[in-house]
């Protein structure tokens, strides 16, 4: 019988561990987020994560492999179609997308935009593929002058709406996005409608921390669903609530930054619960990866490493922490999009057998399947459990 009562899953959003087997099909051959970030800055020391096996997963200059790693370690290939946060998080929890979510490389069709304008009551500007920071530089002043929200997309399956908080208040922006979510169905069922508020003046616009994602409900049953139905606690921190459309959660802590998410995790670890604490740390992707900022990306990793040192001090004997990611965003790669990569897998805690090399797994769903077996709520439709290998079965 497993002694694991509290599983803490930390998603390092956008922290890839080397090219996925099908990366060439996505134009991402050779991408390797952790490896290339460390190379770009002349070495990256992550001692706490390194001791549990991070350097055993992929080459990281400054964080060497450990002969006697204190955790179990491996890599998870992405089996789902697509390389965005929705597909990645769903797969980690056992729901694998078989068809990619729709994208709009030529922007949204005119009839779709017209329908959105009529339903929302707002004429829009933009409707183009763009970086979120660049679009507000380009169209922010026009938006402030006209009051029209900025509509844009990216290489991901997203319908994004940017607005100055003093022009369109947050609640109205969120309402507009919910209108978009409600109408984007069928062949236009994008993965996420995203509210992108900003502040400032022309030449000095800055996005705020009040982003909100309105995601599709997961396709298929997830670990979250099974745990909740089985009477377990399922606590989502960060944008977990958004990515799963609120489904399968018993508690929510909607933090906006890595710092807030890490602080919230420590607070929840002081409480009693039985089940899953599911955390998304978004800034590797949102702030640094898309901007191709290796220094910022590296510092965010150092911050997580230092925080993990504090987590180790408060873990209970029946706790285990699992680190993974949802996709890559190689900060040295061409362009500004996500990179199709496998992701790191680390498991640590008293119930976990140390030093186990889990190899490269065929699906990110293996993590969800493992936890489903541990908590006695499975099996999930996808994934192969590694519970036995790490001492949980």
Protein backbone atom coordinates (compact mmCIF):
# COMPACT_ATOMS: atom_id res chain seq x y z
CA UNK A 1 0.00 0.00 0.00
CA UNK A 2 1.43 3.38 -1.00
CA UNK A 3 2.33 5.86 1.72
CA UNK A 4 1.86 8.85 -0.62
CA UNK A 5 -1.10 10.91 0.62
CA UNK A 6 -0.26 14.36 -0.79
CA UNK A 7 1.08 14.73 -4.33
CA UNK A 8 2.44 18.13 -5.31
CA UNK A 9 2.76 18.56 -9.09
CA UNK A 10 4.73 21.62 -10.20
CA UNK A 11 4.44 22.55 -13.89
CA UNK A 12 7.40 24.68 -14.95
CA UNK A 13 5.49 26.25 -17.83
CA UNK A 14 7.69 26.22 -20.94
CA UNK A 15 10.73 24.41 -19.51
CA UNK A 16 11.59 21.80 -22.14
CA UNK A 17 14.20 19.05 -21.87
CA UNK A 18 15.16 18.39 -25.50
CA UNK A 19 13.47 17.92 -28.84
CA UNK A 20 10.41 15.66 -28.98
CA UNK A 21 10.69 12.75 -31.47
CA UNK A 22 8.36 14.63 -33.85
CA UNK A 23 9.86 18.09 -33.31
CA UNK A 24 10.87 18.41 -36.98
CA UNK A 25 7.21 18.22 -38.00
CA UNK A 26 6.66 21.36 -35.94
CA UNK A 27 9.75 23.15 -37.24
CA UNK A 28 11.49 22.77 -33.89
CA UNK A 29 14.30 20.33 -34.57
CA UNK A 30 17.18 20.80 -32.14
CA UNK A 31 15.24 22.82 -29.56
CA UNK A 32 16.35 22.18 -25.96
CA UNK A 33 15.24 24.80 -23.45
CA UNK A 34 17.24 23.87 -20.34
CA UNK A 35 20.40 22.90 -22.21
CA UNK A 36 20.54 25.97 -24.43
CA UNK A 37 19.60 28.44 -21.70
CA UNK A 38 22.52 27.22 -19.56
CA UNK A 39 24.89 27.44 -22.53
CA UNK A 40 23.73 30.94 -23.42
CA UNK A 41 24.57 32.37 -19.99
CA UNK A 42 27.82 30.43 -19.48
CA UNK A 43 26.44 27.97 -16.94
CA UNK A 44 23.40 27.60 -14.70
CA UNK A 45 23.76 26.27 -11.17
CA UNK A 46 20.60 24.68 -9.78
CA UNK A 47 21.91 22.81 -6.74
CA UNK A 48 18.64 21.74 -5.10
CA UNK A 49 17.01 20.48 -8.28
CA UNK A 50 20.36 19.07 -9.36
CA UNK A 51 20.63 16.92 -6.25
CA UNK A 52 17.37 15.17 -7.05
CA UNK A 53 18.40 14.46 -10.64
CA UNK A 54 17.71 17.41 -12.93
CA UNK A 55 21.18 17.22 -14.47
CA UNK A 56 20.66 13.52 -15.14
CA UNK A 57 17.79 14.28 -17.50
CA UNK A 58 19.42 16.60 -20.02
CA UNK A 59 22.82 18.32 -20.29
CA UNK A 60 22.81 21.50 -18.16
CA UNK A 61 26.10 23.37 -17.97
CA UNK A 62 26.63 24.12 -14.28
CA UNK A 63 24.23 21.41 -13.03
CA UNK A 64 26.00 18.08 -13.57
CA UNK A 65 24.50 14.59 -13.30
CA UNK A 66 24.46 13.00 -9.83
CA UNK A 67 25.76 9.48 -9.28
CA UNK A 68 23.39 9.14 -6.33
CA UNK A 69 20.43 11.36 -7.14
CA UNK A 70 18.02 11.87 -4.26
CA UNK A 71 14.96 11.60 -6.50
CA UNK A 72 13.64 9.68 -9.48
CA UNK A 73 14.18 11.33 -12.85
CA UNK A 74 13.32 11.02 -16.53
CA UNK A 75 11.69 12.75 -19.50
CA UNK A 76 8.15 12.78 -20.82
CA UNK A 77 7.49 12.90 -24.55
CA UNK A 78 4.46 14.86 -25.68
CA UNK A 79 2.00 12.60 -27.49
CA UNK A 80 -0.78 15.18 -27.96
CA UNK A 81 -1.24 17.07 -31.19
CA UNK A 82 -0.04 20.63 -30.65
CA UNK A 83 2.45 22.30 -28.34
CA UNK A 84 0.49 24.69 -26.17
CA UNK A 85 -0.31 24.87 -22.48
CA UNK A 86 -3.80 23.43 -22.83
CA UNK A 87 -2.65 20.28 -24.63
CA UNK A 88 0.32 19.87 -22.29
CA UNK A 89 -1.57 20.23 -19.02
CA UNK A 90 -4.41 17.99 -20.17
CA UNK A 91 -1.93 15.31 -21.21
CA UNK A 92 -0.11 15.44 -17.88
CA UNK A 93 -3.47 14.64 -16.29
CA UNK A 94 -4.28 11.83 -18.71
CA UNK A 95 -6.31 13.42 -21.53
CA UNK A 96 -4.39 13.32 -24.84
CA UNK A 97 -5.60 15.47 -27.74
CA UNK A 98 -5.72 13.47 -30.97
CA UNK A 99 -6.35 16.47 -33.23
CA UNK A 100 -4.66 19.86 -32.90
CA UNK A 101 -6.74 22.76 -31.73
CA UNK A 102 -7.42 25.34 -34.48
CA UNK A 103 -4.87 28.06 -35.18
CA UNK A 104 -5.15 31.14 -37.39
CA UNK A 105 -1.84 31.95 -39.10
CA UNK A 106 -3.64 34.40 -41.42
CA UNK A 107 -5.70 35.93 -38.55
CA UNK A 108 -9.39 35.31 -37.87
CA UNK A 109 -11.97 35.12 -40.68
CA UNK A 110 -13.95 38.33 -41.19
CA UNK A 111 -17.26 36.63 -40.49
CA UNK A 112 -15.96 35.31 -37.16
CA UNK A 113 -14.77 38.77 -36.15
CA UNK A 114 -18.09 40.33 -37.15
CA UNK A 115 -20.01 37.78 -35.09
CA UNK A 116 -17.79 38.47 -32.09
CA UNK A 117 -18.23 42.23 -32.43
CA UNK A 118 -22.00 41.88 -32.53
CA UNK A 119 -22.13 39.49 -29.57
CA UNK A 120 -19.71 41.48 -27.40
CA UNK A 121 -20.94 44.95 -28.31
CA UNK A 122 -17.38 46.10 -29.12
CA UNK A 123 -15.79 46.85 -32.48
CA UNK A 124 -12.18 45.63 -32.49
CA UNK A 125 -8.88 46.68 -33.99
CA UNK A 126 -5.96 44.49 -34.94
CA UNK A 127 -7.01 40.97 -35.90
CA UNK A 128 -3.51 39.83 -36.73
CA UNK A 129 -0.80 37.42 -35.65
CA UNK A 130 1.45 39.27 -33.24
CA UNK A 131 3.53 39.22 -30.08
CA UNK A 132 1.57 40.45 -27.08
CA UNK A 133 4.14 43.07 -26.16
CA UNK A 134 4.53 44.30 -29.74
CA UNK A 135 0.82 44.58 -30.44
CA UNK A 136 0.26 47.03 -27.60
CA UNK A 137 3.21 49.10 -28.80
CA UNK A 138 1.71 49.16 -32.26
CA UNK A 139 -1.98 49.61 -31.48
CA UNK A 140 -2.14 50.71 -27.85
CA UNK A 141 -2.47 54.41 -28.65
CA UNK A 142 -5.24 53.77 -31.18
CA UNK A 143 -7.03 51.60 -28.64
CA UNK A 144 -6.88 54.34 -26.00
CA UNK A 145 -8.15 56.88 -28.53
CA UNK A 146 -11.00 54.77 -29.92
CA UNK A 147 -11.87 52.55 -26.97
CA UNK A 148 -11.81 49.50 -29.25
CA UNK A 149 -10.21 46.33 -27.83
CA UNK A 150 -7.23 44.81 -29.64
CA UNK A 151 -7.81 41.35 -31.10
CA UNK A 152 -4.83 39.18 -32.01
CA UNK A 153 -3.55 35.61 -32.08
CA UNK A 154 -0.25 33.71 -32.24
CA UNK A 155 1.07 30.36 -33.39
CA UNK A 156 -0.94 28.81 -30.54
CA UNK A 157 -4.66 28.11 -30.49
CA UNK A 158 -5.59 31.42 -28.85
CA UNK A 159 -8.06 34.27 -29.31
CA UNK A 160 -6.45 37.14 -27.39
CA UNK A 161 -8.02 40.46 -26.43
CA UNK A 162 -5.86 43.28 -25.10
CA UNK A 163 -7.26 46.38 -23.43
CA UNK A 164 -6.01 49.23 -21.26
CA UNK A 165 -7.44 48.84 -17.77
CA UNK A 166 -8.47 52.50 -17.65
CA UNK A 167 -10.25 52.25 -21.01
CA UNK A 168 -11.96 48.88 -20.57
CA UNK A 169 -12.20 47.85 -16.91
CA UNK A 170 -11.10 44.33 -16.01
CA UNK A 171 -14.60 43.01 -15.41
CA UNK A 172 -15.75 44.23 -18.81
CA UNK A 173 -12.67 42.73 -20.47
CA UNK A 174 -13.38 39.42 -18.77
CA UNK A 175 -17.02 39.61 -19.89
CA UNK A 176 -15.92 40.21 -23.49
CA UNK A 177 -13.62 37.21 -23.29
CA UNK A 178 -16.39 35.02 -21.89
CA UNK A 179 -18.55 36.06 -24.85
CA UNK A 180 -15.76 34.93 -27.14
CA UNK A 181 -15.36 31.65 -25.28
CA UNK A 182 -19.09 30.93 -25.57
CA UNK A 183 -19.14 31.50 -29.34
CA UNK A 184 -15.87 29.79 -30.29
CA UNK A 185 -17.09 26.25 -30.71
CA UNK A 186 -16.99 23.52 -33.37
CA UNK A 187 -14.29 24.15 -35.97
CA UNK A 188 -13.40 27.41 -34.20
CA UNK A 189 -13.05 25.85 -30.72
CA UNK A 190 -9.73 27.49 -29.84
CA UNK A 191 -7.87 26.21 -26.82
CA UNK A 192 -7.98 29.52 -24.97
CA UNK A 193 -9.54 32.94 -25.08
CA UNK A 194 -7.12 35.17 -23.19
CA UNK A 195 -7.72 38.54 -21.55
CA UNK A 196 -4.56 40.66 -21.83
CA UNK A 197 -4.95 43.86 -19.78
CA UNK A 198 -2.28 46.57 -19.82
CA UNK A 199 -1.57 49.98 -18.30
CA UNK A 200 0.63 52.99 -19.01
CA UNK A 201 0.92 55.68 -21.65
CA UNK A 202 1.97 55.63 -25.33
CA UNK A 203 5.57 54.48 -25.54
CA UNK A 204 5.35 53.03 -22.02
CA UNK A 205 2.55 50.48 -22.14
CA UNK A 206 3.01 47.48 -19.87
CA UNK A 207 0.96 44.31 -19.51
CA UNK A 208 -0.40 43.72 -16.01
CA UNK A 209 -0.64 40.58 -13.92
CA UNK A 210 -4.42 40.34 -14.37
CA UNK A 211 -4.33 38.08 -17.40
CA UNK A 212 -7.09 35.51 -17.43
CA UNK A 213 -7.46 32.43 -19.63
CA UNK A 214 -10.84 31.06 -20.68
CA UNK A 215 -10.07 27.51 -21.79
CA UNK A 216 -12.05 24.72 -23.37
CA UNK A 217 -13.23 22.04 -21.01
CA UNK A 218 -10.87 19.07 -21.20
CA UNK A 219 -11.65 16.50 -23.86
CA UNK A 220 -12.00 13.27 -21.92
CA UNK A 221 -11.66 12.37 -18.25
CA UNK A 222 -8.67 13.73 -16.35
CA UNK A 223 -6.98 12.77 -13.10
CA UNK A 224 -8.59 15.85 -11.56
CA UNK A 225 -12.06 14.51 -12.38
CA UNK A 226 -11.31 11.08 -10.92
CA UNK A 227 -9.75 12.44 -7.74
CA UNK A 228 -12.67 14.78 -7.08
CA UNK A 229 -15.22 12.06 -7.77
CA UNK A 230 -13.26 9.81 -5.40
CA UNK A 231 -13.52 12.31 -2.57
CA UNK A 232 -9.91 13.50 -2.74
CA UNK A 233 -8.77 17.11 -2.54
CA UNK A 234 -7.73 18.75 -5.82
CA UNK A 235 -6.21 22.20 -5.34
CA UNK A 236 -5.24 24.31 -8.35
CA UNK A 237 -2.69 27.11 -8.01
CA UNK A 238 -1.92 29.68 -10.72
CA UNK A 239 -3.69 29.24 -14.04
CA UNK A 240 -4.69 25.60 -13.41
CA UNK A 241 -8.29 26.74 -12.93
CA UNK A 242 -8.21 28.48 -16.32
CA UNK A 243 -6.60 25.61 -18.22
CA UNK A 244 -9.16 23.07 -16.98
CA UNK A 245 -12.13 25.47 -17.17
CA UNK A 246 -12.51 25.02 -13.41
CA UNK A 247 -13.36 21.33 -13.81
CA UNK A 248 -12.18 18.73 -11.33
CA UNK A 249 -11.04 21.19 -8.66
CA UNK A 250 -12.13 21.34 -5.04
CA UNK A 251 -10.17 24.52 -4.26
CA UNK A 252 -8.58 27.31 -6.31
CA UNK A 253 -5.78 29.77 -5.58
CA UNK A 254 -5.54 32.00 -8.65
CA UNK A 255 -2.02 33.43 -8.39
CA UNK A 256 -0.58 35.54 -11.21
CA UNK A 257 3.23 35.26 -10.84
CA UNK A 258 5.83 32.63 -10.01
CA UNK A 259 6.53 34.35 -6.70
CA UNK A 260 2.86 34.30 -5.73
CA UNK A 261 2.47 30.69 -6.87
CA UNK A 262 5.46 29.51 -4.87
CA UNK A 263 4.28 31.38 -1.77
CA UNK A 264 0.79 29.92 -2.13
CA UNK A 265 2.24 26.42 -2.42
CA UNK A 266 4.10 26.82 0.86
CA UNK A 267 0.90 28.06 2.53
CA UNK A 268 -1.08 25.06 1.27
CA UNK A 269 1.62 22.67 2.46
CA UNK A 270 0.98 23.93 5.99
CA UNK A 271 -2.64 22.73 5.71
CA UNK A 272 -4.07 19.25 5.90
CA UNK A 273 -5.32 17.78 2.64
CA UNK A 274 -5.44 14.38 0.96
CA UNK A 275 -4.94 14.39 -2.76
CA UNK A 276 -3.34 16.67 -5.32
CA UNK A 277 -1.82 20.15 -5.12
CA UNK A 278 -1.43 21.16 -8.78
CA UNK A 279 0.70 24.25 -9.45
CA UNK A 280 1.49 26.18 -12.63
CA UNK A 281 4.50 28.53 -12.61
CA UNK A 282 3.95 30.57 -15.76
CA UNK A 283 6.79 33.06 -16.08
CA UNK A 284 9.31 30.86 -17.94
CA UNK A 285 6.83 31.00 -20.80
CA UNK A 286 4.96 34.27 -20.35
CA UNK A 287 7.81 36.61 -19.40
CA UNK A 288 11.06 35.08 -20.62
CA UNK A 289 10.70 32.29 -23.19
CA UNK A 290 8.56 34.16 -25.71
CA UNK A 291 10.87 37.17 -25.38
CA UNK A 292 13.91 34.94 -25.91
CA UNK A 293 15.46 36.28 -22.69
CA UNK A 294 17.91 33.62 -21.49
CA UNK A 295 19.00 35.65 -18.46
CA UNK A 296 15.44 36.13 -17.23
CA UNK A 297 14.61 32.48 -17.91
CA UNK A 298 17.70 31.38 -15.97
CA UNK A 299 16.92 33.62 -13.01
CA UNK A 300 13.39 32.23 -12.83
CA UNK A 301 14.91 28.74 -12.63
CA UNK A 302 17.27 29.86 -9.87
CA UNK A 303 14.31 31.27 -7.96
CA UNK A 304 12.45 27.96 -8.20
CA UNK A 305 15.57 26.10 -7.12
CA UNK A 306 15.95 28.27 -4.00
CA UNK A 307 12.23 27.89 -3.23
CA UNK A 308 12.48 24.12 -3.59
CA UNK A 309 15.08 24.18 -0.82
CA UNK A 310 12.35 25.65 1.45
CA UNK A 311 9.80 23.11 0.24
CA UNK A 312 12.09 20.24 1.21
CA UNK A 313 12.08 21.52 4.78
CA UNK A 314 8.28 21.39 5.10
CA UNK A 315 7.43 18.20 3.19
CA UNK A 316 5.69 15.64 5.36
CA UNK A 317 6.63 11.95 5.41
CA UNK A 318 3.60 11.13 3.23
CA UNK A 319 4.30 13.90 0.65
CA UNK A 320 5.98 13.70 -2.75
CA UNK A 321 6.69 16.51 -5.18
CA UNK A 322 6.77 16.02 -8.94
CA UNK A 323 8.31 18.53 -11.35
CA UNK A 324 7.25 18.52 -15.01
CA UNK A 325 6.40 20.98 -17.79
CA UNK A 326 3.76 21.39 -20.49
CA UNK A 327 5.97 22.21 -23.52
CA UNK A 328 9.22 24.00 -24.30
CA UNK A 329 10.01 27.63 -25.02
CA UNK A 330 13.71 27.47 -25.86
CA UNK A 331 14.93 31.01 -25.10
CA UNK A 332 17.70 30.71 -27.69
CA UNK A 333 15.53 29.42 -30.53
CA UNK A 334 14.40 31.30 -33.62
CA UNK A 335 11.07 33.08 -33.52
CA UNK A 336 9.00 33.66 -30.41
CA UNK A 337 6.77 30.58 -30.26
CA UNK A 338 6.66 27.49 -28.07
CA UNK A 339 9.06 24.70 -29.01
CA UNK A 340 7.97 21.09 -29.42
CA UNK A 341 10.01 19.35 -26.72
CA UNK A 342 9.79 16.55 -24.26
CA UNK A 343 9.67 17.77 -20.68
CA UNK A 344 11.58 16.99 -17.50
CA UNK A 345 10.23 14.61 -14.89
CA UNK A 346 11.46 14.67 -11.30
CA UNK A 347 9.94 12.92 -8.29
CA UNK A 348 11.11 13.45 -4.72
CA UNK A 349 9.92 12.69 -1.20
CA UNK A 350 10.07 10.02 1.46
CA UNK A 351 7.67 7.68 -0.41
CA UNK A 352 9.78 7.91 -3.60
CA UNK A 353 12.56 5.43 -4.35
CA UNK A 354 15.69 7.54 -4.94
CA UNK A 355 18.06 7.21 -7.86
CA UNK A 356 15.56 5.65 -10.27
CA UNK A 357 16.15 6.48 -13.93
CA UNK A 358 12.70 6.44 -15.52
CA UNK A 359 14.13 7.01 -19.00
CA UNK A 360 12.17 8.77 -21.72
CA UNK A 361 8.49 8.01 -21.39
CA UNK A 362 6.20 7.81 -24.42
CA UNK A 363 3.60 10.23 -23.01
CA UNK A 364 3.23 12.99 -20.47
CA UNK A 365 0.10 11.11 -19.39
CA UNK A 366 2.36 8.63 -17.59
CA UNK A 367 2.46 11.07 -14.68
CA UNK A 368 -1.31 11.23 -14.38
CA UNK A 369 -1.62 7.45 -14.69
CA UNK A 370 0.97 6.98 -11.92
CA UNK A 371 -0.92 9.24 -9.54
CA UNK A 372 -4.24 7.65 -10.46
CA UNK A 373 -2.80 4.27 -9.48
CA UNK A 374 -1.37 5.66 -6.27
CA UNK A 375 -4.69 7.17 -5.17
CA UNK A 376 -6.73 4.19 -6.35
CA UNK A 377 -8.91 6.16 -8.77
CA UNK A 378 -7.75 4.94 -12.17
CA UNK A 379 -7.05 3.87 -14.67
CA UNK A 380 -7.01 6.82 -17.03
CA UNK A 381 -7.54 6.31 -20.75
CA UNK A 382 -3.91 7.20 -21.57
CA UNK A 383 -0.51 6.76 -20.01
CA UNK A 384 1.59 3.99 -18.49
CA UNK A 385 2.09 4.09 -14.73
CA UNK A 386 5.59 4.12 -13.28
CA UNK A 387 4.27 3.79 -9.71
CA UNK A 388 5.97 0.44 -9.16
CA UNK A 389 9.36 1.72 -10.34
CA UNK A 390 9.39 4.56 -7.81
CA UNK A 391 7.97 2.59 -4.90
CA UNK A 392 4.33 3.67 -5.00
CA UNK A 393 2.85 0.26 -5.83
